[in-house]
Amino acid sequence: MAKVETSIVINRPIEEVFAFLSNRENNPKWISEVTEVSKTSDAPVGVGTTWREIRKFLSQRLENEYEYIEYEPNRKITTRSKSGPFPLEFQSRFENVEGGTRIQSIIQGEPGGFFKLAEPLLISMVKRQLETALANLKDLMEANVFRRDQLVK
């Protein structure tokens, strides 16, 4: 199993950070590889909420379906892929710290085929992309350029 883990502190209240990240439609604003996200379930955001995401990966256009399998407001969100090149789980843990919110991000997957052969390279690339995305999120949230309608729906 491939695993990537990193964390960052964002100087914003935990409620704002959690609400912004809970709405995956915000992902294109801070993850450069993500081009489009749409919620595909009707219920309020929580366990069972599903999303369709389009991203570029290794110069390929990938369309994936994701589902929230854990959702604890201001504490944790775990997302599992329902489609795509290999099974993937992405977890974000939120913690109040002095001056803001610590986000610990963990990505785990079971690459197969070509991806299994390239696992060390894949892990390094995903870690770099995750660190860049979290730095973008920090910049965006600390600049306070999001609107209330971009929070959880």
N, C-alpha and C. Protein backbone atom coordinates (compact mmCIF):
# COMPACT_ATOMS: atom_id res chain seq x y z
N MET A 1 0.85 -1.19 0.00
CA MET A 1 0.00 0.00 0.00
C MET A 1 0.88 1.23 0.00
N ALA A 2 0.62 2.14 -0.92
CA ALA A 2 1.34 3.41 -0.99
C ALA A 2 0.66 4.40 -0.05
N LYS A 3 1.49 5.18 0.66
CA LYS A 3 0.95 6.14 1.63
C LYS A 3 1.77 7.43 1.59
N VAL A 4 1.06 8.55 1.57
CA VAL A 4 1.67 9.87 1.61
C VAL A 4 1.00 10.63 2.74
N GLU A 5 1.80 11.30 3.55
CA GLU A 5 1.27 12.03 4.70
C GLU A 5 2.01 13.36 4.84
N THR A 6 1.27 14.43 5.09
CA THR A 6 1.87 15.74 5.34
C THR A 6 0.87 16.58 6.13
N SER A 7 1.35 17.70 6.67
CA SER A 7 0.45 18.59 7.40
C SER A 7 0.87 20.03 7.19
N ILE A 8 -0.06 20.92 7.53
CA ILE A 8 0.18 22.36 7.42
C ILE A 8 -0.71 23.07 8.43
N VAL A 9 -0.28 24.24 8.86
CA VAL A 9 -1.09 25.07 9.75
C VAL A 9 -1.59 26.27 8.94
N ILE A 10 -2.90 26.48 9.02
CA ILE A 10 -3.54 27.61 8.33
C ILE A 10 -4.06 28.55 9.41
N ASN A 11 -3.72 29.80 9.28
CA ASN A 11 -4.09 30.80 10.28
C ASN A 11 -5.52 31.29 10.06
N ARG A 12 -6.45 30.35 10.20
CA ARG A 12 -7.89 30.63 10.12
C ARG A 12 -8.59 29.70 11.11
N PRO A 13 -9.78 30.07 11.56
CA PRO A 13 -10.53 29.22 12.49
C PRO A 13 -10.86 27.86 11.87
N ILE A 14 -10.87 26.85 12.71
CA ILE A 14 -11.12 25.48 12.25
C ILE A 14 -12.46 25.35 11.52
N GLU A 15 -13.47 26.09 11.97
CA GLU A 15 -14.80 26.01 11.34
C GLU A 15 -14.74 26.47 9.88
N GLU A 16 -14.00 27.54 9.60
CA GLU A 16 -13.87 28.04 8.23
C GLU A 16 -13.08 27.07 7.36
N VAL A 17 -11.98 26.56 7.90
CA VAL A 17 -11.13 25.65 7.12
C VAL A 17 -11.91 24.38 6.80
N PHE A 18 -12.57 23.81 7.80
CA PHE A 18 -13.34 22.59 7.58
C PHE A 18 -14.46 22.83 6.57
N ALA A 19 -15.19 23.92 6.74
CA ALA A 19 -16.31 24.21 5.83
C ALA A 19 -15.83 24.37 4.39
N PHE A 20 -14.71 25.05 4.19
CA PHE A 20 -14.19 25.25 2.84
C PHE A 20 -13.78 23.91 2.22
N LEU A 21 -13.08 23.08 2.98
CA LEU A 21 -12.62 21.79 2.45
C LEU A 21 -13.76 20.80 2.30
N SER A 22 -14.80 20.92 3.10
CA SER A 22 -15.95 20.01 3.00
C SER A 22 -16.67 20.15 1.67
N ASN A 23 -16.59 21.31 1.08
CA ASN A 23 -17.20 21.56 -0.23
C ASN A 23 -16.15 21.29 -1.30
N ARG A 24 -16.11 20.06 -1.80
CA ARG A 24 -15.08 19.67 -2.79
C ARG A 24 -15.16 20.50 -4.07
N GLU A 25 -16.28 21.19 -4.31
CA GLU A 25 -16.36 22.07 -5.48
C GLU A 25 -15.33 23.20 -5.40
N ASN A 26 -14.74 23.41 -4.21
CA ASN A 26 -13.66 24.39 -4.05
C ASN A 26 -12.30 23.84 -4.49
N ASN A 27 -12.18 22.55 -4.69
CA ASN A 27 -10.87 21.95 -5.01
C ASN A 27 -10.13 22.60 -6.17
N PRO A 28 -10.79 22.96 -7.27
CA PRO A 28 -10.04 23.60 -8.36
C PRO A 28 -9.40 24.94 -7.97
N LYS A 29 -9.86 25.54 -6.89
CA LYS A 29 -9.30 26.81 -6.44
C LYS A 29 -7.93 26.65 -5.78
N TRP A 30 -7.62 25.43 -5.29
CA TRP A 30 -6.36 25.25 -4.58
C TRP A 30 -5.56 24.02 -5.01
N ILE A 31 -6.16 23.14 -5.81
CA ILE A 31 -5.45 21.97 -6.34
C ILE A 31 -5.32 22.16 -7.84
N SER A 32 -4.13 22.50 -8.32
CA SER A 32 -3.96 22.87 -9.72
C SER A 32 -4.29 21.74 -10.69
N GLU A 33 -4.18 20.49 -10.27
CA GLU A 33 -4.47 19.37 -11.16
C GLU A 33 -5.97 19.13 -11.35
N VAL A 34 -6.78 19.66 -10.45
CA VAL A 34 -8.23 19.46 -10.50
C VAL A 34 -8.85 20.56 -11.37
N THR A 35 -9.60 20.15 -12.38
CA THR A 35 -10.21 21.12 -13.28
C THR A 35 -11.70 21.31 -13.06
N GLU A 36 -12.36 20.28 -12.50
CA GLU A 36 -13.80 20.37 -12.32
C GLU A 36 -14.25 19.40 -11.23
N VAL A 37 -15.20 19.84 -10.39
CA VAL A 37 -15.79 18.98 -9.36
C VAL A 37 -17.27 19.29 -9.29
N SER A 38 -18.08 18.26 -9.17
CA SER A 38 -19.51 18.48 -8.95
C SER A 38 -20.04 17.45 -7.96
N LYS A 39 -20.92 17.91 -7.11
CA LYS A 39 -21.57 17.04 -6.14
C LYS A 39 -22.61 16.22 -6.91
N THR A 40 -22.64 14.91 -6.68
CA THR A 40 -23.55 14.04 -7.43
C THR A 40 -24.64 13.42 -6.56
N SER A 41 -24.69 13.79 -5.29
CA SER A 41 -25.75 13.31 -4.40
C SER A 41 -26.57 14.52 -3.94
N ASP A 42 -27.81 14.27 -3.56
CA ASP A 42 -28.72 15.36 -3.21
C ASP A 42 -28.74 15.73 -1.73
N ALA A 43 -28.41 14.80 -0.87
CA ALA A 43 -28.49 15.05 0.57
C ALA A 43 -27.45 16.08 1.01
N PRO A 44 -27.63 16.66 2.20
CA PRO A 44 -26.60 17.57 2.72
C PRO A 44 -25.26 16.83 2.84
N VAL A 45 -24.17 17.59 2.86
CA VAL A 45 -22.84 17.00 2.92
C VAL A 45 -22.66 16.21 4.21
N GLY A 46 -22.18 14.99 4.07
CA GLY A 46 -21.94 14.10 5.20
C GLY A 46 -21.54 12.73 4.68
N VAL A 47 -21.52 11.74 5.55
CA VAL A 47 -21.21 10.37 5.12
C VAL A 47 -22.17 9.98 4.00
N GLY A 48 -21.62 9.45 2.92
CA GLY A 48 -22.42 9.05 1.77
C GLY A 48 -22.47 10.08 0.65
N THR A 49 -22.06 11.33 0.92
CA THR A 49 -22.03 12.34 -0.14
C THR A 49 -21.07 11.88 -1.23
N THR A 50 -21.50 12.04 -2.49
CA THR A 50 -20.66 11.64 -3.62
C THR A 50 -20.33 12.84 -4.50
N TRP A 51 -19.16 12.72 -5.14
CA TRP A 51 -18.61 13.79 -5.97
C TRP A 51 -18.02 13.21 -7.24
N ARG A 52 -18.08 13.95 -8.33
CA ARG A 52 -17.39 13.61 -9.57
C ARG A 52 -16.29 14.65 -9.75
N GLU A 53 -15.08 14.17 -10.04
CA GLU A 53 -13.93 15.07 -10.15
C GLU A 53 -13.18 14.77 -11.43
N ILE A 54 -12.77 15.83 -12.12
CA ILE A 54 -11.92 15.69 -13.31
C ILE A 54 -10.60 16.35 -12.98
N ARG A 55 -9.50 15.62 -13.24
CA ARG A 55 -8.17 16.14 -12.97
C ARG A 55 -7.21 15.69 -14.05
N LYS A 56 -6.09 16.39 -14.12
CA LYS A 56 -5.00 15.98 -15.00
C LYS A 56 -3.98 15.25 -14.15
N PHE A 57 -3.55 14.08 -14.63
CA PHE A 57 -2.55 13.30 -13.93
C PHE A 57 -1.67 12.64 -14.98
N LEU A 58 -0.37 12.93 -14.90
CA LEU A 58 0.60 12.42 -15.89
C LEU A 58 0.12 12.73 -17.31
N SER A 59 -0.31 13.95 -17.52
CA SER A 59 -0.78 14.45 -18.82
C SER A 59 -2.04 13.76 -19.32
N GLN A 60 -2.71 13.03 -18.46
CA GLN A 60 -3.95 12.35 -18.81
C GLN A 60 -5.12 12.99 -18.09
N ARG A 61 -6.27 12.98 -18.74
CA ARG A 61 -7.50 13.47 -18.12
C ARG A 61 -8.14 12.29 -17.41
N LEU A 62 -8.32 12.42 -16.09
CA LEU A 62 -8.94 11.36 -15.30
C LEU A 62 -10.25 11.86 -14.72
N GLU A 63 -11.27 11.04 -14.84
CA GLU A 63 -12.56 11.34 -14.23
C GLU A 63 -12.78 10.29 -13.15
N ASN A 64 -13.01 10.74 -11.93
CA ASN A 64 -13.19 9.84 -10.79
C ASN A 64 -14.46 10.18 -10.04
N GLU A 65 -15.02 9.16 -9.40
CA GLU A 65 -16.13 9.33 -8.49
C GLU A 65 -15.60 9.09 -7.08
N TYR A 66 -16.00 9.95 -6.14
CA TYR A 66 -15.56 9.84 -4.75
C TYR A 66 -16.76 9.86 -3.83
N GLU A 67 -16.57 9.27 -2.64
CA GLU A 67 -17.62 9.25 -1.63
C GLU A 67 -17.02 9.54 -0.27
N TYR A 68 -17.72 10.36 0.53
CA TYR A 68 -17.31 10.58 1.91
C TYR A 68 -17.68 9.34 2.71
N ILE A 69 -16.68 8.70 3.32
CA ILE A 69 -16.95 7.51 4.15
C ILE A 69 -16.84 7.84 5.64
N GLU A 70 -16.21 8.96 5.97
CA GLU A 70 -16.19 9.49 7.34
C GLU A 70 -16.38 10.99 7.24
N TYR A 71 -17.17 11.53 8.14
CA TYR A 71 -17.44 12.97 8.13
C TYR A 71 -17.76 13.39 9.55
N GLU A 72 -16.78 13.98 10.22
CA GLU A 72 -16.95 14.47 11.59
C GLU A 72 -16.63 15.96 11.57
N PRO A 73 -17.67 16.82 11.61
CA PRO A 73 -17.45 18.26 11.49
C PRO A 73 -16.33 18.77 12.39
N ASN A 74 -15.45 19.55 11.77
CA ASN A 74 -14.31 20.19 12.42
C ASN A 74 -13.29 19.19 12.98
N ARG A 75 -13.39 17.92 12.59
CA ARG A 75 -12.44 16.90 13.05
C ARG A 75 -11.82 16.09 11.92
N LYS A 76 -12.68 15.53 11.03
CA LYS A 76 -12.14 14.59 10.05
C LYS A 76 -13.08 14.40 8.87
N ILE A 77 -12.47 14.25 7.68
CA ILE A 77 -13.19 13.85 6.47
C ILE A 77 -12.34 12.76 5.82
N THR A 78 -12.97 11.64 5.48
CA THR A 78 -12.29 10.60 4.72
C THR A 78 -13.08 10.34 3.46
N THR A 79 -12.38 10.36 2.35
CA THR A 79 -12.97 10.18 1.03
C THR A 79 -12.38 8.93 0.40
N ARG A 80 -13.22 8.13 -0.25
CA ARG A 80 -12.76 6.94 -0.97
C ARG A 80 -13.15 7.05 -2.44
N SER A 81 -12.21 6.68 -3.31
CA SER A 81 -12.52 6.67 -4.74
C SER A 81 -13.45 5.51 -5.05
N LYS A 82 -14.39 5.75 -5.94
CA LYS A 82 -15.30 4.71 -6.40
C LYS A 82 -14.97 4.30 -7.83
N SER A 83 -14.04 5.03 -8.45
CA SER A 83 -13.60 4.73 -9.81
C SER A 83 -12.20 5.30 -9.96
N GLY A 84 -11.60 5.09 -11.11
CA GLY A 84 -10.27 5.62 -11.36
C GLY A 84 -9.25 4.50 -11.56
N PRO A 85 -7.98 4.88 -11.74
CA PRO A 85 -6.97 3.88 -12.08
C PRO A 85 -6.63 2.91 -10.95
N PHE A 86 -6.82 3.31 -9.69
CA PHE A 86 -6.60 2.39 -8.57
C PHE A 86 -7.33 2.92 -7.34
N PRO A 87 -7.66 2.01 -6.38
CA PRO A 87 -8.37 2.42 -5.16
C PRO A 87 -7.55 3.47 -4.39
N LEU A 88 -8.25 4.47 -3.89
CA LEU A 88 -7.58 5.58 -3.22
C LEU A 88 -8.44 6.05 -2.06
N GLU A 89 -7.79 6.37 -0.94
CA GLU A 89 -8.45 6.99 0.21
C GLU A 89 -7.68 8.24 0.58
N PHE A 90 -8.42 9.31 0.83
CA PHE A 90 -7.83 10.59 1.20
C PHE A 90 -8.48 11.02 2.50
N GLN A 91 -7.65 11.26 3.52
CA GLN A 91 -8.18 11.69 4.81
C GLN A 91 -7.59 13.03 5.21
N SER A 92 -8.44 13.91 5.70
CA SER A 92 -8.01 15.18 6.28
C SER A 92 -8.46 15.21 7.72
N ARG A 93 -7.50 15.46 8.62
CA ARG A 93 -7.79 15.59 10.05
C ARG A 93 -7.54 17.05 10.43
N PHE A 94 -8.43 17.60 11.23
CA PHE A 94 -8.37 19.00 11.60
C PHE A 94 -8.14 19.11 13.11
N GLU A 95 -7.26 20.05 13.48
CA GLU A 95 -6.94 20.23 14.90
C GLU A 95 -6.76 21.73 15.18
N ASN A 96 -7.41 22.20 16.25
CA ASN A 96 -7.20 23.57 16.70
C ASN A 96 -5.77 23.69 17.24
N VAL A 97 -5.04 24.68 16.77
CA VAL A 97 -3.72 25.00 17.30
C VAL A 97 -3.66 26.49 17.52
N GLU A 98 -2.67 26.94 18.28
CA GLU A 98 -2.55 28.36 18.54
C GLU A 98 -2.45 29.12 17.21
N GLY A 99 -3.35 30.06 17.01
CA GLY A 99 -3.34 30.89 15.82
C GLY A 99 -4.05 30.30 14.61
N GLY A 100 -4.61 29.09 14.72
CA GLY A 100 -5.29 28.57 13.54
C GLY A 100 -5.65 27.10 13.61
N THR A 101 -5.48 26.44 12.46
CA THR A 101 -5.92 25.06 12.27
C THR A 101 -4.81 24.24 11.63
N ARG A 102 -4.51 23.11 12.24
CA ARG A 102 -3.58 22.16 11.61
C ARG A 102 -4.41 21.15 10.81
N ILE A 103 -4.01 20.97 9.55
CA ILE A 103 -4.61 19.95 8.71
C ILE A 103 -3.56 18.88 8.50
N GLN A 104 -3.90 17.66 8.84
CA GLN A 104 -3.04 16.53 8.54
C GLN A 104 -3.72 15.78 7.40
N SER A 105 -3.00 15.63 6.28
CA SER A 105 -3.55 14.95 5.11
C SER A 105 -2.83 13.64 4.89
N ILE A 106 -3.62 12.59 4.66
CA ILE A 106 -3.08 11.26 4.43
C ILE A 106 -3.75 10.69 3.18
N ILE A 107 -2.93 10.30 2.22
CA ILE A 107 -3.44 9.65 1.01
C ILE A 107 -2.89 8.23 1.00
N GLN A 108 -3.79 7.26 0.80
CA GLN A 108 -3.39 5.86 0.72
C GLN A 108 -4.02 5.24 -0.52
N GLY A 109 -3.24 4.42 -1.21
CA GLY A 109 -3.77 3.76 -2.39
C GLY A 109 -3.07 2.45 -2.65
N GLU A 110 -3.70 1.65 -3.46
CA GLU A 110 -3.14 0.35 -3.84
C GLU A 110 -2.94 0.36 -5.36
N PRO A 111 -1.79 0.94 -5.80
CA PRO A 111 -1.56 1.01 -7.24
C PRO A 111 -1.37 -0.38 -7.84
N GLY A 112 -1.83 -0.52 -9.07
CA GLY A 112 -1.66 -1.76 -9.80
C GLY A 112 -1.05 -1.48 -11.16
N GLY A 113 -0.67 -2.53 -11.88
CA GLY A 113 -0.13 -2.39 -13.23
C GLY A 113 1.08 -1.48 -13.27
N PHE A 114 1.07 -0.56 -14.24
CA PHE A 114 2.16 0.40 -14.41
C PHE A 114 2.41 1.18 -13.12
N PHE A 115 1.33 1.58 -12.46
CA PHE A 115 1.47 2.40 -11.25
C PHE A 115 2.19 1.63 -10.14
N LYS A 116 2.00 0.31 -10.08
CA LYS A 116 2.70 -0.49 -9.08
C LYS A 116 4.20 -0.49 -9.36
N LEU A 117 4.57 -0.61 -10.64
CA LEU A 117 5.98 -0.59 -11.02
C LEU A 117 6.63 0.74 -10.70
N ALA A 118 5.88 1.80 -10.82
CA ALA A 118 6.41 3.15 -10.61
C ALA A 118 6.07 3.70 -9.23
N GLU A 119 5.74 2.83 -8.28
CA GLU A 119 5.26 3.27 -6.97
C GLU A 119 6.18 4.28 -6.26
N PRO A 120 7.50 4.06 -6.18
CA PRO A 120 8.35 5.05 -5.50
C PRO A 120 8.28 6.43 -6.16
N LEU A 121 8.29 6.46 -7.47
CA LEU A 121 8.18 7.73 -8.20
C LEU A 121 6.80 8.34 -7.99
N LEU A 122 5.78 7.52 -8.03
CA LEU A 122 4.41 7.97 -7.83
C LEU A 122 4.24 8.60 -6.44
N ILE A 123 4.77 7.96 -5.41
CA ILE A 123 4.68 8.48 -4.04
C ILE A 123 5.35 9.84 -3.94
N SER A 124 6.54 9.96 -4.52
CA SER A 124 7.27 11.23 -4.49
C SER A 124 6.48 12.33 -5.19
N MET A 125 5.91 12.01 -6.35
CA MET A 125 5.16 13.00 -7.12
C MET A 125 3.89 13.42 -6.37
N VAL A 126 3.16 12.46 -5.81
CA VAL A 126 1.93 12.76 -5.10
C VAL A 126 2.23 13.60 -3.85
N LYS A 127 3.31 13.29 -3.15
CA LYS A 127 3.69 14.08 -1.96
C LYS A 127 3.98 15.53 -2.35
N ARG A 128 4.72 15.73 -3.43
CA ARG A 128 5.02 17.09 -3.91
C ARG A 128 3.73 17.83 -4.27
N GLN A 129 2.83 17.14 -5.00
CA GLN A 129 1.57 17.77 -5.40
C GLN A 129 0.72 18.12 -4.18
N LEU A 130 0.69 17.23 -3.19
CA LEU A 130 -0.09 17.48 -1.98
C LEU A 130 0.48 18.66 -1.20
N GLU A 131 1.79 18.72 -1.05
CA GLU A 131 2.42 19.84 -0.34
C GLU A 131 2.16 21.16 -1.06
N THR A 132 2.22 21.15 -2.39
CA THR A 132 1.93 22.36 -3.17
C THR A 132 0.47 22.77 -3.00
N ALA A 133 -0.43 21.80 -3.07
CA ALA A 133 -1.86 22.10 -2.92
C ALA A 133 -2.16 22.68 -1.54
N LEU A 134 -1.59 22.10 -0.50
CA LEU A 134 -1.82 22.62 0.85
C LEU A 134 -1.24 24.03 1.02
N ALA A 135 -0.10 24.29 0.41
CA ALA A 135 0.47 25.65 0.45
C ALA A 135 -0.47 26.63 -0.26
N ASN A 136 -1.05 26.20 -1.39
CA ASN A 136 -2.02 27.04 -2.11
C ASN A 136 -3.25 27.29 -1.24
N LEU A 137 -3.72 26.24 -0.56
CA LEU A 137 -4.88 26.38 0.33
C LEU A 137 -4.58 27.37 1.45
N LYS A 138 -3.41 27.26 2.04
CA LYS A 138 -3.00 28.19 3.11
C LYS A 138 -3.03 29.63 2.60
N ASP A 139 -2.42 29.86 1.43
CA ASP A 139 -2.40 31.21 0.85
C ASP A 139 -3.81 31.72 0.60
N LEU A 140 -4.67 30.88 0.03
CA LEU A 140 -6.05 31.26 -0.28
C LEU A 140 -6.84 31.58 0.98
N MET A 141 -6.76 30.70 1.97
CA MET A 141 -7.54 30.88 3.19
C MET A 141 -7.04 32.06 4.01
N GLU A 142 -5.73 32.24 4.07
CA GLU A 142 -5.19 33.35 4.87
C GLU A 142 -5.41 34.69 4.20
N ALA A 143 -5.56 34.69 2.88
CA ALA A 143 -5.88 35.93 2.17
C ALA A 143 -7.37 36.25 2.29
N ASN A 144 -8.16 35.26 2.78
CA ASN A 144 -9.59 35.43 3.00
C ASN A 144 -10.31 35.87 1.73
N VAL A 145 -9.97 35.22 0.60
CA VAL A 145 -10.58 35.60 -0.67
C VAL A 145 -11.76 34.71 -1.05
N PHE A 146 -12.16 33.80 -0.20
CA PHE A 146 -13.31 32.96 -0.48
C PHE A 146 -14.57 33.65 0.02
N ARG A 147 -15.70 33.20 -0.48
CA ARG A 147 -16.99 33.76 -0.07
C ARG A 147 -17.76 32.73 0.75
N ARG A 148 -18.73 33.18 1.52
CA ARG A 148 -19.54 32.29 2.35
C ARG A 148 -20.21 31.19 1.52
N ASP A 149 -20.60 31.50 0.27
CA ASP A 149 -21.27 30.49 -0.55
C ASP A 149 -20.32 29.40 -1.04
N GLN A 150 -19.02 29.56 -0.77
CA GLN A 150 -18.05 28.53 -1.14
C GLN A 150 -17.83 27.55 0.01
N LEU A 151 -18.48 27.81 1.13
CA LEU A 151 -18.37 26.90 2.25
C LEU A 151 -19.33 25.74 2.05
N VAL A 152 -19.42 24.87 3.02
CA VAL A 152 -20.21 23.64 2.89
C VAL A 152 -21.64 23.94 2.48
N LYS A 153 -22.16 23.11 1.60
CA LYS A 153 -23.54 23.29 1.10
C LYS A 153 -24.42 22.19 1.63
